[in-house]
Amino acid sequence: VWRVVIALAAVSVALELLVGEVGAAYSSPNTSANGPSSSLDTSPPGTAALAALMKDRRHPVIQLTQPLGQANLPAKDTVFVLDPVDSITIDARKLRQFVANGGHLVVGGRPASGFLASLFGTSTGLPRWFASSGGIAHPFVHNAYDAGIDSVVSVDGGSWLVPREPRTQTLLAFPGSALALAANIGTGSVVLLADDGAFSNAELTSADDAGFALDLAGPAGATVVFDEYDHGFGRRRLGLAGLPGHWRAALVLGALAAVIWIVSAARRL
């Protein structure tokens, strides 16, 4: 009896996988962004105004609807990854290669578990994110990332605790903590924002928030890429198709193994 039960369960899993894969192949991709800080979101926590500002200042804007790990990210581009809904840790190596080749990466919000260690290739000297009350941050040392900036407003309440021997340089600081950090990897650079609420539609015009965003984008003409795939845009989320690719591959292999077992046990059944 238990063999029959296991066989029926395996067939059910296999059928569910098949339906999910076929449905994903023939369904329309998601056309609405989820989560905060999407450049396709015109509500207060979205960053559609930031994308419009970049276009007004002669920055070609790309709203990426495919995984960062599969995208072609030419050197010298600036990629904004702001509060992604899904973990981007699996794309960290691709982003590290992009930065090492001369790209510029801006990561905003609380980082996914293990992301910073994968991005920097080490777990030592990295900052620690913690929730805070927010406030107004000021430049620690002026450089190209904050030219002419006097203050940036933090609204969501995130800060960096910087270790004694950091791998990063502080750009914007609160008393005792930091809002923005920068580091070089190869010939490119990474900027880490503990709170990217300053770039939201509701806060972009506050203090020098817009000016800071433009400084991060680089010189006029530099392409700015917004990661929208990790906000849900462009994904086919029917059934199991919403799972990451490597999860689905593992489930397919498991279902295939179950089918093979059923065939091999058919005589005994």
Protein backbone atom coordinates (compact mmCIF):
# COMPACT_ATOMS: atom_id res chain seq x y z
CA VAL A 1 0.00 0.00 0.00
CA TRP A 2 2.73 2.47 0.87
CA ARG A 3 4.31 1.91 -2.53
CA VAL A 4 1.07 2.82 -4.24
CA VAL A 5 0.77 5.96 -2.06
CA ILE A 6 4.34 7.04 -2.89
CA ALA A 7 3.75 6.37 -6.59
CA LEU A 8 0.59 8.50 -6.61
CA ALA A 9 2.38 11.30 -4.76
CA ALA A 10 5.28 11.20 -7.23
CA VAL A 11 2.89 11.33 -10.19
CA SER A 12 1.12 14.33 -8.60
CA VAL A 13 4.42 16.18 -8.15
CA ALA A 14 5.45 15.41 -11.72
CA LEU A 15 2.12 16.67 -13.09
CA GLU A 16 2.35 19.86 -11.00
CA LEU A 17 5.85 20.53 -12.33
CA LEU A 18 4.70 19.90 -15.88
CA VAL A 19 1.71 22.22 -15.53
CA GLY A 20 3.90 24.93 -13.97
CA GLU A 21 6.54 24.74 -16.69
CA VAL A 22 4.03 24.68 -19.55
CA GLY A 23 2.04 27.50 -17.96
CA ALA A 24 5.20 29.58 -17.54
CA ALA A 25 6.14 29.06 -21.18
CA TYR A 26 2.77 30.26 -22.46
CA SER A 27 1.77 32.83 -19.87
CA SER A 28 2.42 36.56 -20.14
CA PRO A 29 5.23 37.99 -18.00
CA ASN A 30 4.38 40.10 -14.99
CA THR A 31 4.02 43.77 -15.93
CA SER A 32 3.70 45.26 -12.45
CA ALA A 33 6.55 45.84 -10.05
CA ASN A 34 6.35 44.60 -6.47
CA GLY A 35 7.98 45.90 -3.34
CA PRO A 36 9.45 49.30 -2.53
CA SER A 37 11.95 51.32 -4.58
CA SER A 38 10.93 50.11 -8.04
CA SER A 39 11.66 52.59 -10.84
CA LEU A 40 8.34 51.52 -12.40
CA ASP A 41 6.35 52.47 -9.31
CA THR A 42 4.83 55.97 -9.18
CA SER A 43 3.54 55.62 -5.60
CA PRO A 44 5.39 57.39 -2.73
CA PRO A 45 7.83 54.49 -1.96
CA GLY A 46 8.63 53.94 -5.65
CA THR A 47 11.50 55.52 -7.58
CA ALA A 48 9.84 56.39 -10.91
CA ALA A 49 10.76 60.04 -10.33
CA LEU A 50 14.43 59.02 -10.01
CA ALA A 51 14.30 57.26 -13.39
CA ALA A 52 12.64 60.33 -14.93
CA LEU A 53 15.33 62.57 -13.42
CA MET A 54 18.07 60.42 -14.93
CA LYS A 55 16.46 60.68 -18.37
CA ASP A 56 16.14 64.46 -18.01
CA ARG A 57 19.86 64.66 -17.27
CA ARG A 58 20.75 62.75 -20.48
CA HIS A 59 21.31 59.37 -18.87
CA PRO A 60 20.04 56.47 -21.00
CA VAL A 61 17.85 54.43 -18.64
CA ILE A 62 17.34 50.66 -18.83
CA GLN A 63 14.77 48.96 -16.61
CA LEU A 64 16.10 45.43 -16.52
CA THR A 65 13.51 42.64 -16.66
CA GLN A 66 15.84 39.65 -16.66
CA PRO A 67 18.03 38.18 -13.91
CA LEU A 68 21.19 40.14 -13.20
CA GLY A 69 23.17 36.93 -13.49
CA GLN A 70 22.03 36.52 -17.11
CA ALA A 71 22.10 40.16 -18.20
CA ASN A 72 24.76 41.77 -20.37
CA LEU A 73 26.11 44.57 -18.19
CA PRO A 74 28.74 46.53 -20.15
CA ALA A 75 31.54 48.20 -18.22
CA LYS A 76 31.07 51.86 -17.31
CA ASP A 77 27.31 51.44 -16.79
CA THR A 78 25.76 52.22 -13.40
CA VAL A 79 23.44 49.57 -11.96
CA PHE A 80 20.95 50.46 -9.22
CA VAL A 81 19.74 47.52 -7.10
CA LEU A 82 17.28 49.06 -4.66
CA ASP A 83 15.42 47.00 -2.05
CA PRO A 84 14.97 43.89 -4.20
CA VAL A 85 12.12 41.67 -3.09
CA ASP A 86 14.01 38.47 -3.91
CA SER A 87 17.50 37.56 -2.77
CA ILE A 88 20.23 38.61 -5.22
CA THR A 89 22.96 36.65 -3.48
CA ILE A 90 23.03 34.16 -6.37
CA ASP A 91 23.90 37.07 -8.71
CA ALA A 92 26.67 38.46 -6.50
CA ARG A 93 29.52 36.86 -8.46
CA LYS A 94 28.21 38.27 -11.74
CA LEU A 95 27.93 41.70 -10.15
CA ARG A 96 31.45 41.41 -8.74
CA GLN A 97 32.76 40.65 -12.22
CA PHE A 98 30.80 43.59 -13.62
CA VAL A 99 32.33 45.97 -11.06
CA ALA A 100 35.85 44.55 -11.45
CA ASN A 101 35.65 45.28 -15.19
CA GLY A 102 34.88 48.95 -14.57
CA GLY A 103 31.17 49.01 -13.74
CA HIS A 104 29.49 51.00 -11.01
CA LEU A 105 27.04 49.34 -8.63
CA VAL A 106 24.66 51.05 -6.21
CA VAL A 107 22.99 48.73 -3.69
CA GLY A 108 20.27 50.18 -1.48
CA GLY A 109 18.49 48.84 1.58
CA ARG A 110 19.18 45.95 3.90
CA PRO A 111 21.42 43.46 2.08
CA ALA A 112 20.35 39.87 1.54
CA SER A 113 22.06 37.29 3.71
CA GLY A 114 25.53 36.49 2.42
CA PHE A 115 25.33 39.06 -0.38
CA LEU A 116 28.13 41.35 0.82
CA ALA A 117 30.51 38.45 1.50
CA SER A 118 29.87 37.08 -2.01
CA LEU A 119 30.22 40.51 -3.59
CA PHE A 120 33.50 41.38 -1.87
CA GLY A 121 34.86 37.84 -1.82
CA THR A 122 35.48 37.97 1.93
CA SER A 123 33.59 38.14 5.20
CA THR A 124 36.11 40.35 7.03
CA GLY A 125 36.03 44.12 7.24
CA LEU A 126 32.44 44.34 6.02
CA PRO A 127 29.85 46.72 7.51
CA ARG A 128 26.87 45.50 9.50
CA TRP A 129 23.39 46.79 8.75
CA PHE A 130 21.05 47.67 11.62
CA ALA A 131 17.71 49.38 11.96
CA SER A 132 17.86 52.99 13.12
CA SER A 133 15.64 56.02 13.49
CA GLY A 134 16.97 57.66 10.33
CA GLY A 135 17.73 61.37 10.14
CA ILE A 136 19.99 63.67 8.15
CA ALA A 137 23.37 62.42 6.96
CA HIS A 138 26.29 64.65 5.96
CA PRO A 139 29.38 63.99 3.82
CA PHE A 140 32.23 62.39 5.72
CA VAL A 141 34.83 63.31 3.10
CA HIS A 142 33.81 65.02 -0.13
CA ASN A 143 34.54 63.13 -3.34
CA ALA A 144 33.01 62.50 -6.76
CA TYR A 145 30.07 60.67 -5.20
CA ASP A 146 28.86 63.65 -3.19
CA ALA A 147 30.21 66.71 -5.02
CA GLY A 148 28.44 69.78 -3.71
CA ILE A 149 26.20 67.72 -1.39
CA ASP A 150 25.54 69.06 2.08
CA SER A 151 22.84 66.77 3.50
CA VAL A 152 20.79 63.72 2.56
CA VAL A 153 17.58 62.72 4.35
CA SER A 154 17.17 59.14 5.58
CA VAL A 155 13.55 58.14 6.14
CA ASP A 156 13.34 54.34 6.35
CA GLY A 157 15.69 53.92 9.27
CA GLY A 158 18.74 51.94 8.21
CA SER A 159 22.41 52.51 9.09
CA TRP A 160 25.81 50.88 8.68
CA LEU A 161 28.01 49.99 11.60
CA VAL A 162 31.55 50.26 10.23
CA PRO A 163 34.27 47.97 11.67
CA ARG A 164 37.63 49.29 12.85
CA GLU A 165 39.43 48.01 9.78
CA PRO A 166 36.82 48.48 7.08
CA ARG A 167 36.98 47.47 3.45
CA THR A 168 34.81 50.47 2.65
CA GLN A 169 35.06 54.25 2.75
CA THR A 170 32.35 56.29 4.49
CA LEU A 171 30.54 58.74 2.17
CA LEU A 172 27.60 59.97 4.26
CA ALA A 173 27.55 59.66 8.03
CA PHE A 174 25.27 59.99 11.02
CA PRO A 175 26.70 60.45 14.51
CA GLY A 176 28.22 57.03 15.24
CA SER A 177 27.09 55.28 12.05
CA ALA A 178 26.98 55.66 8.29
CA LEU A 179 24.29 56.00 5.63
CA ALA A 180 26.44 55.49 2.53
CA LEU A 181 29.69 53.60 1.99
CA ALA A 182 31.89 53.12 -1.07
CA ALA A 183 34.53 50.62 -2.11
CA ASN A 184 36.60 49.76 -5.16
CA ILE A 185 36.66 46.30 -6.72
CA GLY A 186 39.06 46.03 -9.62
CA THR A 187 38.59 49.11 -11.81
CA GLY A 188 34.98 49.70 -10.73
CA SER A 189 33.19 50.83 -7.61
CA VAL A 190 30.37 49.87 -5.26
CA VAL A 191 28.20 52.20 -3.20
CA LEU A 192 26.21 50.73 -0.32
CA LEU A 193 23.18 52.64 0.98
CA ALA A 194 21.76 51.49 4.29
CA ASP A 195 18.53 53.32 3.43
CA ASP A 196 17.56 54.29 -0.12
CA GLY A 197 14.39 56.10 0.95
CA ALA A 198 16.08 59.35 -0.10
CA PHE A 199 15.54 58.24 -3.72
CA SER A 200 11.81 57.57 -3.29
CA ASN A 201 9.19 59.62 -5.09
CA ALA A 202 8.16 61.12 -1.75
CA GLU A 203 11.66 62.25 -0.69
CA LEU A 204 13.68 62.86 -3.86
CA THR A 205 13.19 66.64 -3.67
CA SER A 206 14.22 66.81 0.00
CA ALA A 207 17.58 68.34 0.94
CA ASP A 208 20.27 67.25 -1.58
CA ASP A 209 18.79 63.80 -2.25
CA ALA A 210 18.39 64.32 -6.00
CA GLY A 211 21.89 65.74 -6.35
CA PHE A 212 23.37 62.75 -4.53
CA ALA A 213 21.50 60.37 -6.85
CA LEU A 214 22.86 62.18 -9.91
CA ASP A 215 26.40 62.04 -8.53
CA LEU A 216 26.05 58.27 -8.15
CA ALA A 217 24.83 57.94 -11.74
CA GLY A 218 28.11 59.29 -13.09
CA PRO A 219 28.76 61.76 -15.92
CA ALA A 220 26.03 62.71 -18.39
CA GLY A 221 25.62 60.04 -21.02
CA ALA A 222 26.44 57.15 -18.68
CA THR A 223 23.79 54.43 -18.92
CA VAL A 224 21.78 53.82 -15.75
CA VAL A 225 20.30 50.34 -15.23
CA PHE A 226 17.53 49.69 -12.69
CA ASP A 227 17.13 46.09 -11.56
CA GLU A 228 13.41 45.41 -11.93
CA TYR A 229 13.50 41.64 -12.29
CA ASP A 230 14.10 41.31 -8.55
CA HIS A 231 11.02 43.48 -7.99
CA GLY A 232 8.96 40.94 -9.91
CA PHE A 233 8.75 42.73 -13.25
CA GLY A 234 9.09 40.41 -16.24
CA ARG A 235 8.72 37.20 -14.22
CA ARG A 236 6.30 34.46 -15.12
CA ARG A 237 4.92 33.45 -11.74
CA LEU A 238 2.37 30.78 -12.55
CA GLY A 239 2.57 27.96 -10.01
CA LEU A 240 6.06 26.54 -9.55
CA ALA A 241 7.38 28.78 -12.32
CA GLY A 242 7.79 31.51 -9.71
CA LEU A 243 10.58 29.56 -8.01
CA PRO A 244 14.25 30.28 -8.78
CA GLY A 245 15.61 28.31 -11.70
CA HIS A 246 17.95 26.09 -9.66
CA TRP A 247 15.08 25.14 -7.33
CA ARG A 248 12.90 24.15 -10.26
CA ALA A 249 15.76 22.14 -11.77
CA ALA A 250 16.16 20.22 -8.51
CA LEU A 251 12.43 19.50 -8.37
CA VAL A 252 12.43 18.33 -11.99
CA LEU A 253 15.31 15.95 -11.24
CA GLY A 254 13.47 14.68 -8.18
CA ALA A 255 10.30 14.10 -10.20
CA LEU A 256 12.30 12.33 -12.91
CA ALA A 257 13.88 10.06 -10.31
CA ALA A 258 10.41 9.26 -8.95
CA VAL A 259 9.15 8.40 -12.45
CA ILE A 260 12.15 6.12 -13.03
CA TRP A 261 11.44 4.41 -9.70
CA ILE A 262 7.81 3.89 -10.71
CA VAL A 263 8.86 2.29 -13.99
CA SER A 264 11.41 0.05 -12.27
CA ALA A 265 8.85 -1.03 -9.66
CA ALA A 266 6.01 -1.53 -12.13
CA ARG A 267 6.38 -5.30 -12.18
CA ARG A 268 6.22 -5.59 -8.40
CA LEU A 269 3.30 -3.15 -8.24
